[in-house]
C-alpha atoms as a PDB file:
ATOM      1  CA  MET A   1     109.002 110.510  99.686  1.00  0.00           C
ATOM      2  CA  PHE A   2     111.741 111.137  96.419  1.00  0.00           C
ATOM      3  CA  ILE A   3     112.142 108.092  94.815  1.00  0.00           C
ATOM      4  CA  ASN A   4     114.270 108.269  92.116  1.00  0.00           C
ATOM      5  CA  LEU A   5     115.065 105.461  89.268  1.00  0.00           C
ATOM      6  CA  ILE A   6     118.369 104.647  87.505  1.00  0.00           C
ATOM      7  CA  THR A   7     117.111 102.745  84.325  1.00  0.00           C
ATOM      8  CA  LEU A   8     117.623 102.486  80.573  1.00  0.00           C
ATOM      9  CA  ASN A   9     114.029 103.092  80.226  1.00  0.00           C
ATOM     10  CA  PRO A  10     112.685 105.835  81.595  1.00  0.00           C
ATOM     11  CA  ASN A  11     109.860 105.903  79.324  1.00  0.00           C
ATOM     12  CA  PHE A  12     109.303 101.877  80.603  1.00  0.00           C
ATOM     13  CA  PHE A  13     107.347 103.980  83.738  1.00  0.00           C
ATOM     14  CA  LYS A  14     105.379 106.277  81.817  1.00  0.00           C
ATOM     15  CA  SER A  15     101.925 104.959  81.303  1.00  0.00           C
ATOM     16  CA  VAL A  16     101.906 103.680  85.133  1.00  0.00           C
ATOM     17  CA  PHE A  17     102.945 106.882  86.405  1.00  0.00           C
ATOM     18  CA  ASN A  18      99.628 108.538  84.435  1.00  0.00           C
ATOM     19  CA  ASN A  19      97.046 105.879  86.092  1.00  0.00           C
ATOM     20  CA  GLY A  20      95.434 104.775  89.407  1.00  0.00           C
ATOM     21  CA  LEU A  21      96.996 104.799  92.882  1.00  0.00           C
ATOM     22  CA  ILE A  22     100.614 106.567  91.789  1.00  0.00           C
ATOM     23  CA  ASN A  23      99.269 108.235  89.880  1.00  0.00           C
ATOM     24  CA  LYS A  24      97.276 109.733  92.962  1.00  0.00           C
ATOM     25  CA  ALA A  25     100.550 109.960  95.406  1.00  0.00           C
ATOM     26  CA  ILE A  26     101.831 111.711  92.489  1.00  0.00           C
ATOM     27  CA  LYS A  27      98.941 114.569  91.633  1.00  0.00           C
ATOM     28  CA  ASN A  28      98.833 114.507  95.204  1.00  0.00           C
ATOM     29  CA  ASN A  29     102.255 115.651  96.062  1.00  0.00           C
ATOM     30  CA  ILE A  30     103.584 112.295  98.225  1.00  0.00           C
ATOM     31  CA  LEU A  31     106.129 111.017  95.637  1.00  0.00           C
ATOM     32  CA  PHE A  32     108.645 112.197  93.760  1.00  0.00           C
ATOM     33  CA  PHE A  33     110.294 110.132  90.826  1.00  0.00           C
ATOM     34  CA  ASN A  34     113.095 111.421  89.403  1.00  0.00           C
ATOM     35  CA  PHE A  35     114.732 109.315  86.696  1.00  0.00           C
ATOM     36  CA  PHE A  36     119.007 108.967  85.805  1.00  0.00           C
ATOM     37  CA  ASN A  37     119.718 107.128  83.046  1.00  0.00           C
ATOM     38  CA  PRO A  38     123.219 105.306  82.043  1.00  0.00           C
ATOM     39  CA  ARG A  39     123.370 106.204  78.794  1.00  0.00           C
ATOM     40  CA  TYR A  40     123.546 109.873  79.477  1.00  0.00           C
ATOM     41  CA  TYR A  41     127.055 109.703  80.651  1.00  0.00           C
ATOM     42  CA  ILE A  42     128.254 108.026  76.807  1.00  0.00           C
ATOM     43  CA  ASN A  43     131.116 109.727  75.751  1.00  0.00           C
ATOM     44  CA  LYS A  44     133.429 109.544  73.008  1.00  0.00           C
ATOM     45  CA  LYS A  45     135.927 106.672  75.365  1.00  0.00           C
ATOM     46  CA  ASP A  46     132.614 104.976  76.230  1.00  0.00           C
ATOM     47  CA  LYS A  47     130.969 104.126  73.150  1.00  0.00           C
ATOM     48  CA  ASN A  48     129.347 101.494  74.642  1.00  0.00           C
ATOM     49  CA  ILE A  49     126.758 101.304  77.512  1.00  0.00           C
ATOM     50  CA  ASN A  50     127.525  97.536  78.620  1.00  0.00           C
ATOM     51  CA  ASP A  51     130.763  94.911  78.235  1.00  0.00           C
ATOM     52  CA  LYS A  52     131.623  91.436  78.005  1.00  0.00           C
ATOM     53  CA  ILE A  53     131.660  89.773  81.588  1.00  0.00           C
ATOM     54  CA  TYR A  54     135.429  88.829  82.443  1.00  0.00           C
ATOM     55  CA  GLY A  55     135.845  84.801  83.120  1.00  0.00           C
ATOM     56  CA  GLY A  56     134.041  84.799  79.661  1.00  0.00           C
ATOM     57  CA  GLY A  57     129.977  82.664  79.205  1.00  0.00           C
ATOM     58  CA  PRO A  58     127.404  84.472  77.299  1.00  0.00           C
ATOM     59  CA  GLY A  59     125.684  87.969  78.885  1.00  0.00           C
ATOM     60  CA  LEU A  60     126.805  91.544  78.898  1.00  0.00           C
ATOM     61  CA  LEU A  61     127.175  93.639  82.226  1.00  0.00           C
ATOM     62  CA  ILE A  62     126.030  97.639  82.435  1.00  0.00           C
ATOM     63  CA  LYS A  63     129.718  99.027  82.743  1.00  0.00           C
ATOM     64  CA  PRO A  64     129.940 100.206  86.503  1.00  0.00           C
ATOM     65  CA  ILE A  65     131.385 104.002  85.625  1.00  0.00           C
ATOM     66  CA  PHE A  66     127.392 104.656  84.586  1.00  0.00           C
ATOM     67  CA  LEU A  67     125.712 103.293  87.355  1.00  0.00           C
ATOM     68  CA  TYR A  68     128.623 104.972  89.502  1.00  0.00           C
ATOM     69  CA  LYS A  69     128.029 108.473  88.081  1.00  0.00           C
ATOM     70  CA  CYS A  70     124.080 107.751  88.151  1.00  0.00           C
ATOM     71  CA  ILE A  71     124.743 106.801  92.085  1.00  0.00           C
ATOM     72  CA  LYS A  72     126.709 110.480  92.450  1.00  0.00           C
ATOM     73  CA  SER A  73     124.288 112.642  91.472  1.00  0.00           C
ATOM     74  CA  ILE A  74     121.821 110.784  92.925  1.00  0.00           C
ATOM     75  CA  LYS A  75     123.498 110.985  96.181  1.00  0.00           C
ATOM     76  CA  SER A  76     124.516 114.711  95.884  1.00  0.00           C
ATOM     77  CA  LEU A  77     120.573 115.601  95.703  1.00  0.00           C
ATOM     78  CA  TYR A  78     120.289 113.490  98.648  1.00  0.00           C
ATOM     79  CA  LYS A  79     122.663 112.314 100.853  1.00  0.00           C
ATOM     80  CA  ASN A  80     120.700 109.684 102.533  1.00  0.00           C
ATOM     81  CA  SER A  81     118.864 107.996  99.336  1.00  0.00           C
ATOM     82  CA  TYR A  82     119.005 104.042 100.260  1.00  0.00           C
ATOM     83  CA  ILE A  83     120.190 102.673  97.368  1.00  0.00           C
ATOM     84  CA  ILE A  84     118.441  99.064  96.302  1.00  0.00           C
ATOM     85  CA  TYR A  85     119.483  97.065  93.401  1.00  0.00           C
ATOM     86  CA  LEU A  86     116.427  94.942  91.639  1.00  0.00           C
ATOM     87  CA  SER A  87     117.626  91.712  91.834  1.00  0.00           C
ATOM     88  CA  PRO A  88     116.191  88.028  91.490  1.00  0.00           C
ATOM     89  CA  GLN A  89     119.355  87.100  94.333  1.00  0.00           C
ATOM     90  CA  GLY A  90     117.831  89.286  96.913  1.00  0.00           C
ATOM     91  CA  ASN A  91     115.642  89.422  99.880  1.00  0.00           C
ATOM     92  CA  ILE A  92     112.542  88.303  98.768  1.00  0.00           C
ATOM     93  CA  ILE A  93     109.669  91.782  99.201  1.00  0.00           C
ATOM     94  CA  ASN A  94     107.204  91.044 101.823  1.00  0.00           C
ATOM     95  CA  LYS A  95     105.566  93.873 104.006  1.00  0.00           C
ATOM     96  CA  SER A  96     108.455  94.079 107.030  1.00  0.00           C
ATOM     97  CA  ILE A  97     110.896  95.679 103.919  1.00  0.00           C
ATOM     98  CA  ILE A  98     108.131  97.825 102.633  1.00  0.00           C
ATOM     99  CA  LEU A  99     107.020  99.217 105.939  1.00  0.00           C
ATOM    100  CA  LYS A 100     111.406  99.559 106.787  1.00  0.00           C
ATOM    101  CA  PHE A 101     111.770 101.029 102.544  1.00  0.00           C
ATOM    102  CA  LEU A 102     109.058 104.206 104.030  1.00  0.00           C
ATOM    103  CA  LYS A 103     111.150 104.954 106.468  1.00  0.00           C
ATOM    104  CA  TYR A 104     113.119 107.192 104.402  1.00  0.00           C
ATOM    105  CA  LYS A 105     112.921 110.147 102.395  1.00  0.00           C
ATOM    106  CA  SER A 106     114.676 109.262  99.412  1.00  0.00           C
ATOM    107  CA  ILE A 107     115.041 106.134  98.019  1.00  0.00           C
ATOM    108  CA  THR A 108     116.841 104.792  94.896  1.00  0.00           C
ATOM    109  CA  PHE A 109     115.658 101.677  92.682  1.00  0.00           C
ATOM    110  CA  ILE A 110     118.759 100.224  90.290  1.00  0.00           C
ATOM    111  CA  CYS A 111     116.823  98.605  86.905  1.00  0.00           C
ATOM    112  CA  GLY A 112     119.348  95.566  86.153  1.00  0.00           C
ATOM    113  CA  ARG A 113     119.075  94.607  82.945  1.00  0.00           C
ATOM    114  CA  TYR A 114     120.996  91.939  80.045  1.00  0.00           C
ATOM    115  CA  SER A 115     123.029  89.691  82.960  1.00  0.00           C
ATOM    116  CA  GLY A 116     122.607  91.893  85.824  1.00  0.00           C
ATOM    117  CA  ILE A 117     125.755  94.755  86.785  1.00  0.00           C
ATOM    118  CA  ASP A 118     128.918  93.998  88.070  1.00  0.00           C
ATOM    119  CA  GLN A 119     129.171  92.956  91.980  1.00  0.00           C
ATOM    120  CA  ARG A 120     131.651  96.117  92.613  1.00  0.00           C
ATOM    121  CA  ILE A 121     128.484  98.450  92.263  1.00  0.00           C
ATOM    122  CA  ILE A 122     126.997  96.463  94.817  1.00  0.00           C
ATOM    123  CA  ASP A 123     129.066  95.778  97.194  1.00  0.00           C
ATOM    124  CA  LYS A 124     130.459  99.324  97.311  1.00  0.00           C
ATOM    125  CA  TYR A 125     127.192 101.748  97.090  1.00  0.00           C
ATOM    126  CA  VAL A 126     123.763  98.805  97.190  1.00  0.00           C
ATOM    127  CA  ASP A 127     122.403  99.582 100.816  1.00  0.00           C
ATOM    128  CA  TYR A 128     119.963  96.490  99.933  1.00  0.00           C
ATOM    129  CA  GLU A 129     119.314  93.768  97.101  1.00  0.00           C
ATOM    130  CA  LEU A 130     115.619  93.267  96.269  1.00  0.00           C
ATOM    131  CA  SER A 131     114.166  90.042  94.837  1.00  0.00           C
ATOM    132  CA  ILE A 132     110.121  89.952  94.383  1.00  0.00           C
ATOM    133  CA  GLY A 133     110.095  86.454  93.573  1.00  0.00           C
ATOM    134  CA  ASP A 134     112.412  83.111  92.514  1.00  0.00           C
ATOM    135  CA  TYR A 135     112.217  83.728  88.934  1.00  0.00           C
ATOM    136  CA  ILE A 136     114.238  85.927  85.993  1.00  0.00           C
ATOM    137  CA  LEU A 137     112.768  89.060  84.671  1.00  0.00           C
ATOM    138  CA  SER A 138     113.949  90.831  81.230  1.00  0.00           C
ATOM    139  CA  CYS A 139     114.524  94.157  83.085  1.00  0.00           C
ATOM    140  CA  GLY A 140     114.891  95.674  86.899  1.00  0.00           C
ATOM    141  CA  GLU A 141     112.630  97.787  85.587  1.00  0.00           C
ATOM    142  CA  ILE A 142     109.147  95.586  85.936  1.00  0.00           C
ATOM    143  CA  SER A 143     110.480  94.743  89.235  1.00  0.00           C
ATOM    144  CA  ALA A 144     110.553  98.402  90.229  1.00  0.00           C
ATOM    145  CA  LEU A 145     107.302  98.263  89.275  1.00  0.00           C
ATOM    146  CA  VAL A 146     105.623  95.502  91.561  1.00  0.00           C
ATOM    147  CA  CYS A 147     108.063  97.347  94.552  1.00  0.00           C
ATOM    148  CA  ILE A 148     107.001 101.229  93.654  1.00  0.00           C
ATOM    149  CA  ASP A 149     103.209  99.640  93.463  1.00  0.00           C
ATOM    150  CA  VAL A 150     103.776  98.008  96.898  1.00  0.00           C
ATOM    151  CA  ILE A 151     105.229 100.996  98.296  1.00  0.00           C
ATOM    152  CA  VAL A 152     102.166 103.025  97.609  1.00  0.00           C
ATOM    153  CA  ARG A 153      99.157 100.717  99.025  1.00  0.00           C
ATOM    154  CA  TYR A 154     100.672 101.388 102.956  1.00  0.00           C
ATOM    155  CA  ILE A 155     100.905 105.059 102.294  1.00  0.00           C
ATOM    156  CA  PRO A 156      98.479 106.794 104.901  1.00  0.00           C
ATOM    157  CA  GLY A 157      95.621 108.484 102.725  1.00  0.00           C
ATOM    158  CA  ILE A 158      95.774 106.427  99.711  1.00  0.00           C
ATOM    159  CA  ILE A 159      94.016 103.740 100.333  1.00  0.00           C
ATOM    160  CA  ASN A 160      91.411 103.429 103.404  1.00  0.00           C
ATOM    161  CA  SER A 161      93.209 101.685 106.428  1.00  0.00           C
ATOM    162  CA  LEU A 162      90.037  99.802 106.507  1.00  0.00           C
ATOM    163  CA  CYS A 163      90.998  98.021 103.494  1.00  0.00           C
ATOM    164  CA  ILE A 164      94.218  97.459 103.883  1.00  0.00           C
ATOM    165  CA  ASN A 165      93.854  95.880 107.245  1.00  0.00           C
ATOM    166  CA  LEU A 166      91.055  92.854 105.575  1.00  0.00           C
ATOM    167  CA  ASP A 167      94.068  92.707 102.361  1.00  0.00           C
ATOM    168  CA  SER A 168      96.080  89.149 102.364  1.00  0.00           C
ATOM    169  CA  PHE A 169      98.994  89.132 104.517  1.00  0.00           C
ATOM    170  CA  ASN A 170      97.241  91.676 106.749  1.00  0.00           C
ATOM    171  CA  TYR A 171      94.421  90.530 107.888  1.00  0.00           C
ATOM    172  CA  ASN A 172      94.068  88.233 111.140  1.00  0.00           C
ATOM    173  CA  ASN A 173      97.715  88.684 112.124  1.00  0.00           C
ATOM    174  CA  GLY A 174      99.157  87.997 108.719  1.00  0.00           C
ATOM    175  CA  LEU A 175      97.011  85.244 107.138  1.00  0.00           C
ATOM    176  CA  LEU A 176      95.262  85.195 103.394  1.00  0.00           C
ATOM    177  CA  SER A 177      92.220  86.563 102.727  1.00  0.00           C
ATOM    178  CA  PHE A 178      88.628  85.437 102.923  1.00  0.00           C
ATOM    179  CA  PRO A 179      86.518  84.739  99.964  1.00  0.00           C
ATOM    180  CA  ASN A 180      84.295  88.213  98.852  1.00  0.00           C
ATOM    181  CA  TYR A 181      81.017  87.434  97.053  1.00  0.00           C
ATOM    182  CA  THR A 182      78.679  90.301  95.290  1.00  0.00           C
ATOM    183  CA  ARG A 183      75.216  90.883  93.382  1.00  0.00           C
ATOM    184  CA  PRO A 184      73.309  89.086  92.305  1.00  0.00           C
ATOM    185  CA  ARG A 185      72.565  86.014  94.819  1.00  0.00           C
ATOM    186  CA  ILE A 186      72.669  83.019  92.740  1.00  0.00           C
ATOM    187  CA  PHE A 187      75.221  83.053  88.816  1.00  0.00           C
ATOM    188  CA  ASN A 188      75.719  80.517  86.494  1.00  0.00           C
ATOM    189  CA  LYS A 189      73.345  77.966  89.727  1.00  0.00           C
ATOM    190  CA  MET A 190      75.991  79.033  91.837  1.00  0.00           C
ATOM    191  CA  LYS A 191      74.666  80.158  95.423  1.00  0.00           C
ATOM    192  CA  VAL A 192      76.144  83.067  97.737  1.00  0.00           C
ATOM    193  CA  PRO A 193      77.149  81.703 101.439  1.00  0.00           C
ATOM    194  CA  SER A 194      73.669  82.091 103.480  1.00  0.00           C
ATOM    195  CA  ILE A 195      76.029  82.943 106.242  1.00  0.00           C
ATOM    196  CA  LEU A 196      76.848  86.270 103.947  1.00  0.00           C
ATOM    197  CA  LEU A 197      73.177  87.218 103.815  1.00  0.00           C
ATOM    198  CA  SER A 198      72.717  86.971 107.297  1.00  0.00           C
ATOM    199  CA  GLY A 199      72.978  90.375 108.915  1.00  0.00           C
ATOM    200  CA  ASN A 200      74.699  88.377 111.696  1.00  0.00           C
ATOM    201  CA  HIS A 201      78.202  89.881 111.538  1.00  0.00           C
ATOM    202  CA  LYS A 202      79.118  87.367 114.604  1.00  0.00           C
ATOM    203  CA  LYS A 203      78.891  84.828 112.874  1.00  0.00           C
ATOM    204  CA  ILE A 204      79.661  86.533 109.355  1.00  0.00           C
ATOM    205  CA  ASN A 205      83.396  86.949 111.287  1.00  0.00           C
ATOM    206  CA  ASP A 206      84.080  83.919 112.599  1.00  0.00           C
ATOM    207  CA  TRP A 207      82.656  82.352 108.876  1.00  0.00           C
ATOM    208  CA  ARG A 208      85.554  84.662 107.521  1.00  0.00           C
ATOM    209  CA  ILE A 209      88.134  83.731 110.083  1.00  0.00           C
ATOM    210  CA  ASN A 210      87.871  79.900 109.120  1.00  0.00           C
ATOM    211  CA  LYS A 211      88.072  80.412 105.560  1.00  0.00           C
ATOM    212  CA  SER A 212      90.960  82.812 105.499  1.00  0.00           C
ATOM    213  CA  LEU A 213      93.022  80.020 107.786  1.00  0.00           C
ATOM    214  CA  LYS A 214      91.620  76.993 104.914  1.00  0.00           C
ATOM    215  CA  LYS A 215      92.651  79.056 102.539  1.00  0.00           C
ATOM    216  CA  THR A 216      95.909  79.800 104.388  1.00  0.00           C
ATOM    217  CA  LEU A 217      97.180  75.929 105.357  1.00  0.00           C
ATOM    218  CA  LYS A 218      95.626  75.129 101.877  1.00  0.00           C
ATOM    219  CA  ASN A 219      97.849  77.716  99.472  1.00  0.00           C
ATOM    220  CA  LYS A 220     100.746  79.664 101.436  1.00  0.00           C
ATOM    221  CA  ASN A 221     101.061  77.397 104.991  1.00  0.00           C
ATOM    222  CA  TYR A 222     104.076  78.390 105.533  1.00  0.00           C
ATOM    223  CA  LEU A 223     102.547  81.932 106.979  1.00  0.00           C
ATOM    224  CA  LEU A 224     100.842  79.658 109.640  1.00  0.00           C
ATOM    225  CA  LYS A 225     103.913  78.439 110.591  1.00  0.00           C
ATOM    226  CA  LYS A 226     105.199  81.587 112.053  1.00  0.00           C
ATOM    227  CA  LYS A 227     102.143  82.094 114.365  1.00  0.00           C
END
């Protein structure tokens, strides 16, 4: 997969891309990243990357011409690249959305800044508007990192599939995962549940399902409503 990032700050991604699962995917030639900086297209006529919002009010927007030129460059390389704008106004990321993205050979993330981007870019050139939650961040680069990290986890061969199946939202057909414990058996006078030391895998599995259901009911009961 080729992931293109339209960003005013390509250096934002360096430390993360040099570590962890994303770095593993890069080294194994599974993911390839391209950076497109709108500032590259600044000229004598268009000296400023942003401008005031029509209609008045505070805030600035990235000028559409610079984003358009980035998208045009990407389309010349990857005609069918799927364009995603990271915005608090978009659909909130989930497993099904990520699996949809994995079907594309090339995807492009537009990382907004300031008060966002011109609506005309969204209307004409964006295929999907995506959010990572109902809150505001200082830049779209943070959202892009979250999305890329989630994508990497679902790429075959990056993580053991058995581990993926035990993750929250995958375990027991979409519920939260169960509590886990490790050595020592007693820590600060707190004991590991005895059932986990029994060696009875049937009882352990039943215990885990029970704990998973209780935690889901308490913390994210909307997941149960889907069942």
